[in-house]
N, C-alpha and C. Protein backbone atom coordinates (compact mmCIF):
# COMPACT_ATOMS: atom_id res chain seq x y z
N MET A 1 116.65 -179.02 -81.01
CA MET A 1 116.93 -179.14 -82.44
C MET A 1 115.71 -179.72 -83.15
N SER A 2 115.39 -179.16 -84.29
CA SER A 2 114.17 -179.59 -85.00
C SER A 2 114.46 -180.41 -86.24
N SER A 3 115.76 -180.63 -86.56
CA SER A 3 116.12 -181.34 -87.79
C SER A 3 116.95 -182.58 -87.49
N LEU A 4 116.72 -183.62 -88.27
CA LEU A 4 117.43 -184.89 -88.12
C LEU A 4 117.88 -185.38 -89.47
N LYS A 5 119.12 -185.84 -89.56
CA LYS A 5 119.63 -186.49 -90.77
C LYS A 5 119.78 -187.98 -90.47
N ILE A 6 119.22 -188.82 -91.33
CA ILE A 6 119.21 -190.25 -91.06
C ILE A 6 119.21 -191.02 -92.38
N ASP A 7 119.65 -192.28 -92.34
CA ASP A 7 119.65 -193.09 -93.56
C ASP A 7 118.30 -193.77 -93.73
N LEU A 8 117.79 -193.71 -94.94
CA LEU A 8 116.52 -194.34 -95.29
C LEU A 8 116.70 -195.85 -95.32
N GLN A 9 115.77 -196.58 -94.69
CA GLN A 9 115.91 -198.03 -94.60
C GLN A 9 114.69 -198.74 -95.16
N TYR A 10 114.84 -200.04 -95.40
CA TYR A 10 113.77 -200.86 -95.99
C TYR A 10 112.74 -201.18 -94.91
N PHE A 11 111.56 -200.58 -95.00
CA PHE A 11 110.55 -200.72 -93.96
C PHE A 11 111.24 -200.68 -92.59
N ALA A 12 111.82 -199.53 -92.32
CA ALA A 12 112.65 -199.35 -91.12
C ALA A 12 111.95 -199.83 -89.86
N ASN A 13 112.75 -200.14 -88.83
CA ASN A 13 112.15 -200.71 -87.63
C ASN A 13 111.41 -199.65 -86.81
N VAL A 14 110.67 -200.13 -85.84
CA VAL A 14 109.82 -199.27 -85.02
C VAL A 14 110.64 -198.17 -84.36
N ASN A 15 111.82 -198.50 -83.86
CA ASN A 15 112.64 -197.49 -83.18
C ASN A 15 113.14 -196.41 -84.13
N TRP A 16 113.37 -196.75 -85.40
CA TRP A 16 113.76 -195.75 -86.40
C TRP A 16 112.65 -194.70 -86.51
N TYR A 17 111.41 -195.18 -86.59
CA TYR A 17 110.27 -194.25 -86.71
C TYR A 17 110.04 -193.50 -85.40
N LYS A 18 110.30 -194.15 -84.28
CA LYS A 18 110.18 -193.46 -82.99
C LYS A 18 111.22 -192.35 -82.90
N LYS A 19 112.40 -192.60 -83.45
CA LYS A 19 113.46 -191.59 -83.45
C LYS A 19 113.05 -190.36 -84.27
N VAL A 20 112.50 -190.57 -85.45
CA VAL A 20 112.19 -189.44 -86.33
C VAL A 20 110.91 -188.72 -85.92
N TYR A 21 110.10 -189.36 -85.11
CA TYR A 21 108.76 -188.83 -84.82
C TYR A 21 108.78 -187.40 -84.30
N ASN A 22 109.72 -187.08 -83.45
CA ASN A 22 109.73 -185.78 -82.78
C ASN A 22 110.49 -184.68 -83.51
N TYR A 23 110.92 -184.96 -84.74
CA TYR A 23 111.63 -183.95 -85.52
C TYR A 23 110.73 -183.37 -86.60
N LYS A 24 110.74 -182.07 -86.71
CA LYS A 24 109.91 -181.41 -87.72
C LYS A 24 110.44 -181.69 -89.12
N TYR A 25 111.77 -181.63 -89.28
CA TYR A 25 112.40 -181.87 -90.58
C TYR A 25 113.31 -183.09 -90.49
N VAL A 26 113.08 -184.03 -91.38
CA VAL A 26 113.89 -185.25 -91.41
C VAL A 26 114.55 -185.34 -92.77
N TYR A 27 115.88 -185.30 -92.79
CA TYR A 27 116.64 -185.36 -94.03
C TYR A 27 117.10 -186.80 -94.28
N LEU A 28 116.65 -187.36 -95.38
CA LEU A 28 116.99 -188.73 -95.74
C LEU A 28 118.23 -188.70 -96.62
N SER A 29 119.32 -189.22 -96.09
CA SER A 29 120.60 -189.12 -96.76
C SER A 29 120.75 -190.17 -97.86
N SER A 30 121.04 -189.72 -99.08
CA SER A 30 121.18 -190.62 -100.22
C SER A 30 122.61 -190.76 -100.70
N CYS A 31 123.52 -189.95 -100.16
CA CYS A 31 124.89 -189.94 -100.66
C CYS A 31 125.92 -190.47 -99.68
N ASP A 32 125.49 -191.16 -98.65
CA ASP A 32 126.45 -191.85 -97.81
C ASP A 32 126.94 -193.08 -98.58
N MET A 33 128.08 -193.58 -98.21
CA MET A 33 128.61 -194.76 -98.89
C MET A 33 127.82 -196.00 -98.50
N HIS A 34 127.68 -196.89 -99.45
CA HIS A 34 126.99 -198.15 -99.20
C HIS A 34 127.69 -198.92 -98.08
N THR A 35 126.91 -199.47 -97.17
CA THR A 35 127.44 -200.25 -96.06
C THR A 35 126.87 -201.66 -96.10
N LYS A 36 127.75 -202.65 -96.07
CA LYS A 36 127.28 -204.03 -96.06
C LYS A 36 126.57 -204.33 -94.74
N MET A 37 125.67 -205.31 -94.79
CA MET A 37 124.97 -205.77 -93.58
C MET A 37 124.25 -204.63 -92.87
N SER A 38 123.48 -203.85 -93.60
CA SER A 38 122.72 -202.76 -92.99
C SER A 38 121.23 -202.99 -93.21
N PHE A 39 120.43 -202.16 -92.56
CA PHE A 39 118.98 -202.24 -92.75
C PHE A 39 118.53 -201.50 -94.01
N ARG A 40 119.47 -201.03 -94.79
CA ARG A 40 119.08 -200.36 -96.03
C ARG A 40 118.48 -201.35 -97.02
N ASN A 41 118.90 -202.59 -96.95
CA ASN A 41 118.29 -203.61 -97.82
C ASN A 41 117.79 -204.81 -97.02
N ARG A 42 117.57 -204.61 -95.71
CA ARG A 42 117.06 -205.68 -94.86
C ARG A 42 116.00 -205.13 -93.92
N THR A 43 115.04 -206.00 -93.58
CA THR A 43 114.07 -205.68 -92.55
C THR A 43 113.73 -206.96 -91.81
N MET A 44 113.20 -206.80 -90.60
CA MET A 44 112.87 -207.96 -89.77
C MET A 44 111.38 -207.96 -89.46
N ILE A 45 110.74 -209.12 -89.65
CA ILE A 45 109.34 -209.27 -89.30
C ILE A 45 109.21 -210.43 -88.31
N ALA A 46 108.03 -210.59 -87.73
CA ALA A 46 107.83 -211.61 -86.71
C ALA A 46 107.25 -212.88 -87.33
N GLY A 47 108.00 -213.97 -87.22
CA GLY A 47 107.53 -215.27 -87.67
C GLY A 47 107.09 -216.11 -86.48
N ALA A 48 106.48 -217.26 -86.74
CA ALA A 48 105.98 -218.12 -85.68
C ALA A 48 107.09 -218.68 -84.80
N THR A 49 108.32 -218.75 -85.34
CA THR A 49 109.43 -219.29 -84.57
C THR A 49 110.45 -218.22 -84.17
N GLY A 50 110.14 -216.98 -84.45
CA GLY A 50 111.05 -215.89 -84.10
C GLY A 50 111.22 -214.91 -85.24
N PRO A 51 112.22 -214.03 -85.16
CA PRO A 51 112.41 -213.02 -86.20
C PRO A 51 112.72 -213.65 -87.56
N LEU A 52 112.16 -213.05 -88.60
CA LEU A 52 112.40 -213.49 -89.97
C LEU A 52 112.99 -212.32 -90.74
N ARG A 53 114.16 -212.53 -91.32
CA ARG A 53 114.84 -211.45 -92.05
C ARG A 53 114.46 -211.50 -93.53
N LEU A 54 114.07 -210.35 -94.05
CA LEU A 54 113.82 -210.20 -95.48
C LEU A 54 114.94 -209.34 -96.05
N SER A 55 115.60 -209.82 -97.09
CA SER A 55 116.72 -209.09 -97.68
C SER A 55 116.45 -208.79 -99.15
N VAL A 56 116.64 -207.55 -99.54
CA VAL A 56 116.54 -207.15 -100.94
C VAL A 56 117.88 -207.46 -101.60
N PRO A 57 117.90 -208.33 -102.61
CA PRO A 57 119.18 -208.61 -103.28
C PRO A 57 119.64 -207.40 -104.07
N ILE A 58 120.91 -207.05 -103.94
CA ILE A 58 121.42 -205.87 -104.63
C ILE A 58 122.62 -206.23 -105.49
N VAL A 59 122.82 -205.44 -106.52
CA VAL A 59 123.92 -205.65 -107.46
C VAL A 59 125.23 -205.21 -106.81
N ASP A 60 126.24 -206.06 -106.88
CA ASP A 60 127.56 -205.74 -106.34
C ASP A 60 127.48 -205.31 -104.88
N GLY A 61 126.78 -206.12 -104.08
CA GLY A 61 126.51 -205.76 -102.70
C GLY A 61 127.73 -205.63 -101.81
N ARG A 62 128.85 -206.22 -102.19
CA ARG A 62 130.07 -206.13 -101.38
C ARG A 62 130.86 -204.85 -101.64
N ASN A 63 130.46 -204.11 -102.67
CA ASN A 63 131.18 -202.90 -103.05
C ASN A 63 130.76 -201.74 -102.15
N GLU A 64 131.64 -201.33 -101.26
CA GLU A 64 131.35 -200.22 -100.36
C GLU A 64 131.89 -198.89 -100.87
N ARG A 65 132.23 -198.86 -102.16
CA ARG A 65 132.71 -197.63 -102.78
C ARG A 65 131.63 -196.92 -103.57
N GLN A 66 130.43 -197.41 -103.52
CA GLN A 66 129.34 -196.78 -104.25
C GLN A 66 128.43 -196.03 -103.28
N PHE A 67 127.86 -194.94 -103.77
CA PHE A 67 126.93 -194.18 -102.96
C PHE A 67 125.61 -194.94 -102.84
N TYR A 68 124.93 -194.71 -101.73
CA TYR A 68 123.65 -195.37 -101.48
C TYR A 68 122.70 -195.20 -102.67
N LYS A 69 122.61 -193.98 -103.21
CA LYS A 69 121.67 -193.73 -104.30
C LYS A 69 122.04 -194.45 -105.60
N GLU A 70 123.26 -195.00 -105.67
CA GLU A 70 123.72 -195.70 -106.87
C GLU A 70 123.51 -197.22 -106.77
N VAL A 71 123.13 -197.71 -105.59
CA VAL A 71 122.97 -199.15 -105.39
C VAL A 71 121.72 -199.63 -106.13
N LYS A 72 121.90 -200.67 -106.96
CA LYS A 72 120.79 -201.20 -107.75
C LYS A 72 120.27 -202.51 -107.16
N THR A 73 118.97 -202.71 -107.27
CA THR A 73 118.38 -203.98 -106.83
C THR A 73 118.49 -205.00 -107.95
N VAL A 74 118.52 -206.26 -107.57
CA VAL A 74 118.54 -207.35 -108.54
C VAL A 74 117.11 -207.63 -108.99
N ASP A 75 116.89 -207.70 -110.28
CA ASP A 75 115.56 -208.01 -110.78
C ASP A 75 115.27 -209.48 -110.51
N GLY A 76 114.05 -209.77 -110.11
CA GLY A 76 113.73 -211.16 -109.82
C GLY A 76 112.44 -211.29 -109.04
N ARG A 77 112.29 -212.42 -108.36
CA ARG A 77 111.04 -212.74 -107.67
C ARG A 77 111.01 -212.30 -106.21
N TRP A 78 112.03 -211.58 -105.78
CA TRP A 78 112.11 -211.26 -104.36
C TRP A 78 110.93 -210.45 -103.84
N ARG A 79 110.38 -209.55 -104.67
CA ARG A 79 109.23 -208.76 -104.22
C ARG A 79 108.04 -209.67 -103.91
N MET A 80 107.77 -210.63 -104.80
CA MET A 80 106.70 -211.57 -104.57
C MET A 80 106.97 -212.43 -103.33
N GLU A 81 108.22 -212.86 -103.18
CA GLU A 81 108.58 -213.70 -102.03
C GLU A 81 108.45 -212.92 -100.72
N HIS A 82 108.84 -211.66 -100.73
CA HIS A 82 108.72 -210.84 -99.53
C HIS A 82 107.25 -210.63 -99.17
N PHE A 83 106.43 -210.36 -100.16
CA PHE A 83 105.01 -210.15 -99.89
C PHE A 83 104.38 -211.42 -99.33
N ARG A 84 104.72 -212.55 -99.91
CA ARG A 84 104.18 -213.82 -99.41
C ARG A 84 104.60 -214.09 -97.98
N ALA A 85 105.84 -213.74 -97.65
CA ALA A 85 106.32 -213.92 -96.29
C ALA A 85 105.55 -213.02 -95.33
N ILE A 86 105.29 -211.80 -95.74
CA ILE A 86 104.53 -210.86 -94.91
C ILE A 86 103.11 -211.38 -94.69
N VAL A 87 102.49 -211.90 -95.74
CA VAL A 87 101.15 -212.47 -95.62
C VAL A 87 101.16 -213.64 -94.65
N SER A 88 102.13 -214.52 -94.80
CA SER A 88 102.23 -215.70 -93.94
C SER A 88 102.39 -215.32 -92.47
N CYS A 89 103.16 -214.28 -92.21
CA CYS A 89 103.43 -213.88 -90.83
C CYS A 89 102.31 -213.06 -90.20
N TYR A 90 101.58 -212.31 -91.02
CA TYR A 90 100.64 -211.35 -90.45
C TYR A 90 99.17 -211.55 -90.82
N ASN A 91 98.85 -212.64 -91.52
CA ASN A 91 97.44 -212.81 -91.90
C ASN A 91 96.52 -213.00 -90.69
N ARG A 92 97.10 -213.29 -89.51
CA ARG A 92 96.28 -213.42 -88.30
C ARG A 92 96.33 -212.17 -87.43
N SER A 93 97.08 -211.17 -87.86
CA SER A 93 97.17 -209.94 -87.07
C SER A 93 95.86 -209.16 -87.19
N PRO A 94 95.54 -208.33 -86.19
CA PRO A 94 94.25 -207.64 -86.17
C PRO A 94 93.97 -206.74 -87.37
N TRP A 95 95.02 -206.14 -87.93
CA TRP A 95 94.78 -205.11 -88.95
C TRP A 95 95.32 -205.44 -90.33
N PHE A 96 95.89 -206.63 -90.53
CA PHE A 96 96.53 -206.91 -91.82
C PHE A 96 95.56 -206.83 -92.99
N GLU A 97 94.36 -207.38 -92.84
CA GLU A 97 93.40 -207.38 -93.94
C GLU A 97 93.06 -205.95 -94.39
N TYR A 98 93.16 -205.03 -93.46
CA TYR A 98 92.86 -203.63 -93.75
C TYR A 98 93.88 -203.03 -94.73
N TYR A 99 95.12 -203.56 -94.69
CA TYR A 99 96.20 -203.01 -95.51
C TYR A 99 96.62 -203.95 -96.66
N ARG A 100 96.11 -205.16 -96.68
CA ARG A 100 96.62 -206.20 -97.58
C ARG A 100 96.60 -205.79 -99.05
N ASP A 101 95.49 -205.27 -99.55
CA ASP A 101 95.39 -204.95 -100.98
C ASP A 101 96.40 -203.87 -101.39
N GLU A 102 96.57 -202.86 -100.54
CA GLU A 102 97.53 -201.81 -100.84
C GLU A 102 98.96 -202.34 -100.78
N MET A 103 99.20 -203.26 -99.85
CA MET A 103 100.52 -203.87 -99.77
C MET A 103 100.83 -204.66 -101.04
N ALA A 104 99.83 -205.37 -101.55
CA ALA A 104 100.01 -206.16 -102.77
C ALA A 104 100.39 -205.24 -103.93
N GLU A 105 99.73 -204.11 -104.04
CA GLU A 105 100.05 -203.14 -105.10
C GLU A 105 101.44 -202.57 -104.91
N LEU A 106 101.79 -202.31 -103.67
CA LEU A 106 103.11 -201.75 -103.35
C LEU A 106 104.22 -202.64 -103.89
N PHE A 107 104.08 -203.95 -103.72
CA PHE A 107 105.13 -204.89 -104.11
C PHE A 107 105.10 -205.25 -105.60
N GLN A 108 104.14 -204.76 -106.33
CA GLN A 108 104.07 -205.06 -107.76
C GLN A 108 104.92 -204.11 -108.59
N ARG A 109 105.27 -202.97 -108.03
CA ARG A 109 105.99 -201.96 -108.79
C ARG A 109 107.50 -202.14 -108.66
N PRO A 110 108.19 -202.38 -109.77
CA PRO A 110 109.65 -202.57 -109.71
C PRO A 110 110.40 -201.24 -109.67
N PHE A 111 111.54 -201.24 -108.99
CA PHE A 111 112.42 -200.08 -108.94
C PHE A 111 113.84 -200.54 -109.21
N GLU A 112 114.57 -199.79 -110.01
CA GLU A 112 115.94 -200.16 -110.33
C GLU A 112 116.89 -199.89 -109.16
N TYR A 113 116.64 -198.80 -108.45
CA TYR A 113 117.56 -198.39 -107.39
C TYR A 113 116.96 -198.66 -106.00
N LEU A 114 117.81 -199.13 -105.10
CA LEU A 114 117.38 -199.45 -103.75
C LEU A 114 116.81 -198.24 -103.03
N PHE A 115 117.46 -197.10 -103.16
CA PHE A 115 116.97 -195.90 -102.47
C PHE A 115 115.55 -195.56 -102.92
N ASP A 116 115.29 -195.65 -104.21
CA ASP A 116 113.95 -195.33 -104.72
C ASP A 116 112.90 -196.32 -104.21
N TRP A 117 113.27 -197.59 -104.13
CA TRP A 117 112.36 -198.60 -103.59
C TRP A 117 112.06 -198.31 -102.11
N ASN A 118 113.09 -198.01 -101.34
CA ASN A 118 112.90 -197.72 -99.92
C ASN A 118 112.05 -196.47 -99.72
N LEU A 119 112.26 -195.48 -100.57
CA LEU A 119 111.47 -194.25 -100.49
C LEU A 119 110.00 -194.54 -100.79
N HIS A 120 109.76 -195.38 -101.77
CA HIS A 120 108.41 -195.81 -102.15
C HIS A 120 107.72 -196.46 -100.94
N CYS A 121 108.41 -197.35 -100.26
CA CYS A 121 107.85 -198.04 -99.09
C CYS A 121 107.65 -197.06 -97.93
N HIS A 122 108.64 -196.20 -97.72
CA HIS A 122 108.58 -195.22 -96.63
C HIS A 122 107.40 -194.26 -96.80
N GLU A 123 107.19 -193.79 -98.00
CA GLU A 123 106.09 -192.85 -98.25
C GLU A 123 104.74 -193.50 -97.97
N TRP A 124 104.63 -194.79 -98.28
CA TRP A 124 103.39 -195.51 -97.97
C TRP A 124 103.19 -195.60 -96.46
N VAL A 125 104.24 -195.93 -95.73
CA VAL A 125 104.16 -196.03 -94.28
C VAL A 125 103.79 -194.69 -93.66
N VAL A 126 104.42 -193.62 -94.11
CA VAL A 126 104.14 -192.28 -93.58
C VAL A 126 102.66 -191.93 -93.76
N LYS A 127 102.12 -192.29 -94.91
CA LYS A 127 100.71 -192.03 -95.18
C LYS A 127 99.82 -192.83 -94.24
N LYS A 128 100.15 -194.09 -94.03
CA LYS A 128 99.33 -194.95 -93.16
C LYS A 128 99.42 -194.50 -91.70
N LEU A 129 100.58 -194.04 -91.28
CA LEU A 129 100.76 -193.58 -89.89
C LEU A 129 100.23 -192.17 -89.68
N GLY A 130 100.07 -191.42 -90.76
CA GLY A 130 99.61 -190.05 -90.65
C GLY A 130 100.64 -189.12 -90.03
N LEU A 131 101.92 -189.37 -90.33
CA LEU A 131 102.99 -188.54 -89.75
C LEU A 131 103.00 -187.15 -90.37
N GLY A 132 103.28 -186.17 -89.52
CA GLY A 132 103.28 -184.79 -89.99
C GLY A 132 104.66 -184.23 -90.25
N ASN A 133 105.69 -185.07 -90.16
CA ASN A 133 107.06 -184.61 -90.40
C ASN A 133 107.25 -184.19 -91.85
N SER A 134 108.22 -183.32 -92.08
CA SER A 134 108.63 -183.00 -93.45
C SER A 134 109.85 -183.85 -93.77
N PHE A 135 109.69 -184.82 -94.66
CA PHE A 135 110.79 -185.69 -95.05
C PHE A 135 111.41 -185.13 -96.33
N LEU A 136 112.72 -184.86 -96.28
CA LEU A 136 113.43 -184.25 -97.39
C LEU A 136 114.62 -185.12 -97.76
N ILE A 137 114.90 -185.22 -99.06
CA ILE A 137 116.04 -186.01 -99.51
C ILE A 137 117.25 -185.09 -99.62
N THR A 138 118.35 -185.51 -99.02
CA THR A 138 119.58 -184.73 -99.14
C THR A 138 120.62 -185.51 -99.94
N ASN A 139 121.22 -184.84 -100.91
CA ASN A 139 122.25 -185.46 -101.74
C ASN A 139 123.65 -185.18 -101.19
N GLY A 140 123.71 -184.53 -100.08
CA GLY A 140 125.00 -184.31 -99.44
C GLY A 140 125.59 -182.93 -99.67
N ASP A 141 125.10 -182.22 -100.71
CA ASP A 141 125.69 -180.92 -100.99
C ASP A 141 124.77 -179.76 -100.60
N GLU A 142 123.57 -180.09 -100.11
CA GLU A 142 122.69 -179.03 -99.64
C GLU A 142 123.11 -178.59 -98.25
N ILE A 143 122.74 -177.39 -97.92
CA ILE A 143 123.00 -176.88 -96.57
C ILE A 143 121.74 -177.08 -95.74
N ILE A 144 121.87 -177.83 -94.63
CA ILE A 144 120.75 -178.02 -93.73
C ILE A 144 120.75 -176.84 -92.77
N ALA A 145 119.68 -176.07 -92.80
CA ALA A 145 119.62 -174.85 -92.02
C ALA A 145 119.62 -175.15 -90.52
N GLY A 146 120.41 -174.39 -89.78
CA GLY A 146 120.44 -174.50 -88.33
C GLY A 146 121.12 -175.76 -87.83
N ASP A 147 121.02 -175.98 -86.54
CA ASP A 147 121.61 -177.17 -85.94
C ASP A 147 120.77 -178.39 -86.26
N TYR A 148 121.42 -179.52 -86.41
CA TYR A 148 120.67 -180.74 -86.66
C TYR A 148 121.39 -181.93 -86.02
N VAL A 149 120.63 -182.96 -85.78
CA VAL A 149 121.15 -184.20 -85.20
C VAL A 149 121.36 -185.19 -86.33
N THR A 150 122.44 -185.97 -86.26
CA THR A 150 122.62 -187.01 -87.26
C THR A 150 122.48 -188.38 -86.61
N ALA A 151 121.73 -189.26 -87.30
CA ALA A 151 121.53 -190.62 -86.81
C ALA A 151 121.82 -191.62 -87.93
N VAL A 152 122.65 -191.22 -88.88
CA VAL A 152 123.03 -192.10 -89.98
C VAL A 152 123.77 -193.31 -89.40
N ASN A 153 123.33 -194.48 -89.77
CA ASN A 153 123.90 -195.76 -89.31
C ASN A 153 123.69 -196.03 -87.82
N GLU A 154 122.80 -195.29 -87.19
CA GLU A 154 122.51 -195.53 -85.77
C GLU A 154 121.73 -196.84 -85.58
N PHE A 155 120.90 -197.17 -86.57
CA PHE A 155 120.09 -198.38 -86.50
C PHE A 155 120.65 -199.40 -87.47
N ALA A 156 121.21 -200.48 -86.92
CA ALA A 156 121.86 -201.50 -87.74
C ALA A 156 121.54 -202.88 -87.18
N PRO A 157 121.63 -203.93 -88.02
CA PRO A 157 121.38 -205.29 -87.53
C PRO A 157 122.28 -205.65 -86.35
N GLY A 158 121.68 -206.23 -85.33
CA GLY A 158 122.46 -206.66 -84.17
C GLY A 158 122.72 -205.57 -83.15
N ALA A 159 122.21 -204.36 -83.42
CA ALA A 159 122.43 -203.25 -82.49
C ALA A 159 121.14 -202.47 -82.29
N GLN A 160 120.84 -202.15 -81.05
CA GLN A 160 119.69 -201.33 -80.73
C GLN A 160 120.18 -199.97 -80.24
N SER A 161 119.57 -198.92 -80.76
CA SER A 161 119.96 -197.58 -80.34
C SER A 161 119.71 -197.40 -78.85
N SER A 162 120.71 -196.89 -78.15
CA SER A 162 120.58 -196.64 -76.71
C SER A 162 119.77 -195.38 -76.44
N GLN A 163 119.48 -194.61 -77.50
CA GLN A 163 118.79 -193.34 -77.33
C GLN A 163 117.27 -193.47 -77.46
N VAL A 164 116.79 -194.65 -77.85
CA VAL A 164 115.36 -194.83 -78.09
C VAL A 164 114.85 -195.99 -77.24
N LYS A 165 113.79 -195.76 -76.51
CA LYS A 165 113.17 -196.81 -75.71
C LYS A 165 112.13 -197.53 -76.55
N THR A 166 112.30 -198.83 -76.74
CA THR A 166 111.41 -199.61 -77.59
C THR A 166 110.01 -199.68 -77.00
N PRO A 167 108.99 -199.29 -77.78
CA PRO A 167 107.61 -199.44 -77.28
C PRO A 167 107.24 -200.92 -77.25
N VAL A 168 106.54 -201.33 -76.20
CA VAL A 168 106.15 -202.73 -76.06
C VAL A 168 104.63 -202.85 -76.29
N TYR A 169 104.27 -203.48 -77.36
CA TYR A 169 102.87 -203.67 -77.74
C TYR A 169 102.64 -205.17 -77.93
N THR A 170 101.43 -205.58 -78.20
CA THR A 170 101.12 -207.00 -78.35
C THR A 170 101.42 -207.46 -79.78
N GLN A 171 102.32 -208.43 -79.92
CA GLN A 171 102.70 -208.97 -81.23
C GLN A 171 101.96 -210.28 -81.51
N VAL A 172 101.91 -210.67 -82.77
CA VAL A 172 101.13 -211.82 -83.22
C VAL A 172 101.53 -213.12 -82.51
N PHE A 173 102.83 -213.39 -82.45
CA PHE A 173 103.31 -214.66 -81.89
C PHE A 173 103.95 -214.48 -80.51
N GLN A 174 103.56 -213.44 -79.81
CA GLN A 174 104.22 -213.11 -78.55
C GLN A 174 104.12 -214.23 -77.52
N GLU A 175 103.02 -214.98 -77.51
CA GLU A 175 102.87 -216.07 -76.54
C GLU A 175 103.91 -217.17 -76.77
N LYS A 176 104.35 -217.33 -78.04
CA LYS A 176 105.32 -218.36 -78.38
C LYS A 176 106.76 -217.85 -78.28
N THR A 177 106.99 -216.65 -78.74
CA THR A 177 108.35 -216.14 -78.88
C THR A 177 108.76 -215.10 -77.86
N GLY A 178 107.78 -214.59 -77.11
CA GLY A 178 108.04 -213.44 -76.27
C GLY A 178 108.06 -212.18 -77.13
N PHE A 179 108.15 -211.03 -76.51
CA PHE A 179 108.19 -209.79 -77.29
C PHE A 179 109.53 -209.68 -78.01
N ILE A 180 109.49 -209.32 -79.29
CA ILE A 180 110.70 -209.18 -80.10
C ILE A 180 110.90 -207.70 -80.44
N ALA A 181 111.99 -207.13 -80.00
CA ALA A 181 112.30 -205.73 -80.31
C ALA A 181 113.02 -205.65 -81.65
N GLY A 182 113.01 -204.48 -82.26
CA GLY A 182 113.77 -204.25 -83.49
C GLY A 182 113.09 -204.70 -84.75
N LEU A 183 111.77 -204.93 -84.68
CA LEU A 183 111.06 -205.39 -85.88
C LEU A 183 110.64 -204.21 -86.76
N SER A 184 110.33 -204.53 -88.00
CA SER A 184 109.88 -203.54 -88.97
C SER A 184 108.66 -202.78 -88.47
N ILE A 185 108.52 -201.56 -88.93
CA ILE A 185 107.34 -200.75 -88.62
C ILE A 185 106.07 -201.46 -89.07
N LEU A 186 106.18 -202.37 -90.03
CA LEU A 186 105.01 -203.13 -90.47
C LEU A 186 104.41 -203.93 -89.33
N ASP A 187 105.26 -204.44 -88.44
CA ASP A 187 104.78 -205.23 -87.31
C ASP A 187 103.85 -204.40 -86.44
N LEU A 188 104.28 -203.20 -86.12
CA LEU A 188 103.46 -202.30 -85.30
C LEU A 188 102.18 -201.91 -86.04
N LEU A 189 102.30 -201.61 -87.31
CA LEU A 189 101.15 -201.18 -88.10
C LEU A 189 100.09 -202.27 -88.20
N PHE A 190 100.51 -203.51 -88.45
CA PHE A 190 99.55 -204.60 -88.60
C PHE A 190 98.95 -205.02 -87.26
N CYS A 191 99.67 -204.78 -86.18
CA CYS A 191 99.16 -205.15 -84.85
C CYS A 191 98.29 -204.06 -84.23
N GLU A 192 98.59 -202.80 -84.54
CA GLU A 192 97.89 -201.69 -83.88
C GLU A 192 97.04 -200.84 -84.82
N GLY A 193 97.20 -201.02 -86.13
CA GLY A 193 96.37 -200.29 -87.08
C GLY A 193 96.53 -198.79 -87.02
N PRO A 194 95.44 -198.04 -87.20
CA PRO A 194 95.51 -196.58 -87.24
C PRO A 194 96.09 -195.93 -85.98
N SER A 195 96.08 -196.64 -84.86
CA SER A 195 96.64 -196.07 -83.62
C SER A 195 98.13 -196.32 -83.48
N ALA A 196 98.76 -196.91 -84.49
CA ALA A 196 100.18 -197.25 -84.41
C ALA A 196 101.06 -196.04 -84.09
N ALA A 197 100.72 -194.89 -84.64
CA ALA A 197 101.55 -193.70 -84.42
C ALA A 197 101.58 -193.29 -82.96
N GLU A 198 100.55 -193.64 -82.20
CA GLU A 198 100.51 -193.28 -80.78
C GLU A 198 101.67 -193.94 -80.01
N TRP A 199 102.14 -195.10 -80.52
CA TRP A 199 103.22 -195.81 -79.85
C TRP A 199 104.60 -195.18 -80.13
N LEU A 200 104.63 -194.24 -81.06
CA LEU A 200 105.89 -193.61 -81.43
C LEU A 200 106.18 -192.35 -80.62
N LYS A 201 105.20 -191.89 -79.90
CA LYS A 201 105.35 -190.62 -79.16
C LYS A 201 106.33 -190.78 -78.00
């Protein structure tokens, strides 16, 4: 099968990108119902004392009757706070300085809707990784040609997909914390730089 349907996440974890890597067409689902406690508005990065969770505050976050594309972010300082946290965690990583200025610009642009913000971040990551997949947005009423695999909600906090083997690379605080699985793709990118995509194969 060459097509995959999956939920777009906030700087999705390494295994999410490893999952999509081998599919020619990746359909990003925008019309699934909002799910509380998901990676759609959360990501995990590596801190000096262990995993650090970054959460995008959303309007009416407990309401699971709204479609993903309708979920709005709360206006505020969270973008600045998230960027500062990323700087604090990765300023000693081998490749962070290479991406820092672009990351700063990325976090300066406000988005009303969570899906649009996640797409903005995802497109930046795809460009940095040099992925050749075709990423398409599906609103739920399009027909996906041929057979396809669905992985919507496969990657969630507290659960690791049994279908993906986590790549083990050298992390910034690994000597203190040991290797931490399930971290944001940013962790791999800042630690491995332009060769990060090789770990997704």
